Amino acid sequence: MEGDDLLLAKIRPIIMRLAEKLEKLGPNSAKDVRLSAFAEAFSEINLHADEIETVERESILETIYDIGEIVGFDRDSGFAEEWRGDW
């Protein structure tokens, strides 16, 4: 991810936990269960909304959507926008 190193040091562990949780759930897990993992990650990321600028926003969302595609979600659906805070 690109952006402020101090902020990304807070965000990377959240992204890693998301990826690990999705891996544990496996490819046959229910869609709503996988989506709840994304919701939880956004809940944590949103705690840092005041620090997120354009470059970080684009980088975080790109990463989230990349992970989403891996687990079967369409990037064009905008599935992550439901939980994104004001950043």
Protein backbone atom coordinates (compact mmCIF):
# COMPACT_ATOMS: atom_id res chain seq x y z
CA MET A 1 0.00 0.00 0.00
CA GLU A 2 1.04 3.55 -0.60
CA GLY A 3 0.84 6.60 1.63
CA ASP A 4 1.90 7.80 5.04
CA ASP A 5 4.06 5.16 6.70
CA LEU A 6 2.72 5.82 10.20
CA LEU A 7 -0.88 5.44 9.09
CA LEU A 8 -0.14 2.37 6.99
CA ALA A 9 1.56 0.78 10.00
CA LYS A 10 -1.89 0.93 11.66
CA ILE A 11 -3.83 -0.23 8.60
CA ARG A 12 -1.65 -3.14 7.44
CA PRO A 13 -2.38 -5.33 10.48
CA ILE A 14 -6.11 -4.82 9.91
CA ILE A 15 -5.75 -5.90 6.28
CA MET A 16 -3.65 -8.89 7.32
CA ARG A 17 -6.27 -9.98 9.88
CA LEU A 18 -8.93 -9.70 7.18
CA ALA A 19 -6.93 -11.87 4.79
CA GLU A 20 -6.20 -14.42 7.52
CA LYS A 21 -9.84 -14.57 8.58
CA LEU A 22 -11.00 -15.07 4.99
CA GLU A 23 -8.40 -17.78 4.49
CA LYS A 24 -9.64 -19.60 7.61
CA LEU A 25 -13.24 -19.29 6.45
CA GLY A 26 -12.32 -20.92 3.17
CA PRO A 27 -13.80 -20.67 -0.30
CA ASN A 28 -17.01 -22.50 0.60
CA SER A 29 -18.03 -20.13 3.37
CA ALA A 30 -21.32 -18.27 3.00
CA LYS A 31 -21.25 -14.92 1.23
CA ASP A 32 -22.70 -13.08 4.22
CA VAL A 33 -20.01 -14.54 6.48
CA ARG A 34 -17.28 -13.34 4.13
CA LEU A 35 -18.92 -9.92 3.89
CA SER A 36 -19.03 -9.65 7.68
CA ALA A 37 -15.24 -10.07 7.73
CA PHE A 38 -14.96 -7.04 5.45
CA ALA A 39 -17.40 -5.10 7.63
CA GLU A 40 -15.28 -5.82 10.70
CA ALA A 41 -12.13 -4.67 8.92
CA PHE A 42 -13.79 -1.44 7.81
CA SER A 43 -15.01 -0.84 11.34
CA GLU A 44 -11.38 -0.84 12.47
CA ILE A 45 -10.09 1.15 9.48
CA ASN A 46 -12.78 3.79 10.04
CA LEU A 47 -11.23 4.55 13.43
CA HIS A 48 -8.41 6.18 11.46
CA ALA A 49 -10.65 8.14 9.07
CA ASP A 50 -9.20 11.51 10.11
CA GLU A 51 -5.75 10.38 9.02
CA ILE A 52 -6.70 8.90 5.64
CA GLU A 53 -5.95 11.13 2.67
CA THR A 54 -6.54 10.49 -1.03
CA VAL A 55 -3.44 8.39 -1.64
CA GLU A 56 -4.15 6.14 1.33
CA ARG A 57 -7.85 5.90 0.48
CA GLU A 58 -7.12 4.73 -3.05
CA SER A 59 -4.46 2.30 -1.87
CA ILE A 60 -6.59 0.84 0.93
CA LEU A 61 -9.60 0.40 -1.34
CA GLU A 62 -7.48 -1.14 -4.08
CA THR A 63 -6.16 -3.67 -1.58
CA ILE A 64 -9.62 -4.39 -0.17
CA TYR A 65 -11.08 -4.90 -3.64
CA ASP A 66 -8.15 -7.14 -4.62
CA ILE A 67 -8.87 -9.33 -1.61
CA GLY A 68 -12.57 -9.25 -2.42
CA GLU A 69 -11.94 -10.52 -5.93
CA ILE A 70 -9.86 -13.37 -4.57
CA VAL A 71 -12.79 -14.49 -2.41
CA GLY A 72 -15.38 -14.14 -5.15
CA PHE A 73 -16.70 -10.58 -5.02
CA ASP A 74 -16.97 -8.34 -8.04
CA ARG A 75 -14.90 -5.18 -7.71
CA ASP A 76 -17.44 -3.29 -9.83
CA SER A 77 -20.21 -4.05 -7.36
CA GLY A 78 -18.70 -1.55 -4.92
CA PHE A 79 -19.35 -3.99 -2.08
CA ALA A 80 -16.91 -2.21 0.21
CA GLU A 81 -18.56 1.21 -0.06
CA GLU A 82 -21.31 0.09 2.30
CA TRP A 83 -18.94 0.21 5.27
CA ARG A 84 -16.41 2.87 4.26
CA GLY A 85 -16.52 5.80 6.59
CA ASP A 86 -16.05 9.42 5.63
CA TRP A 87 -12.63 9.02 4.08
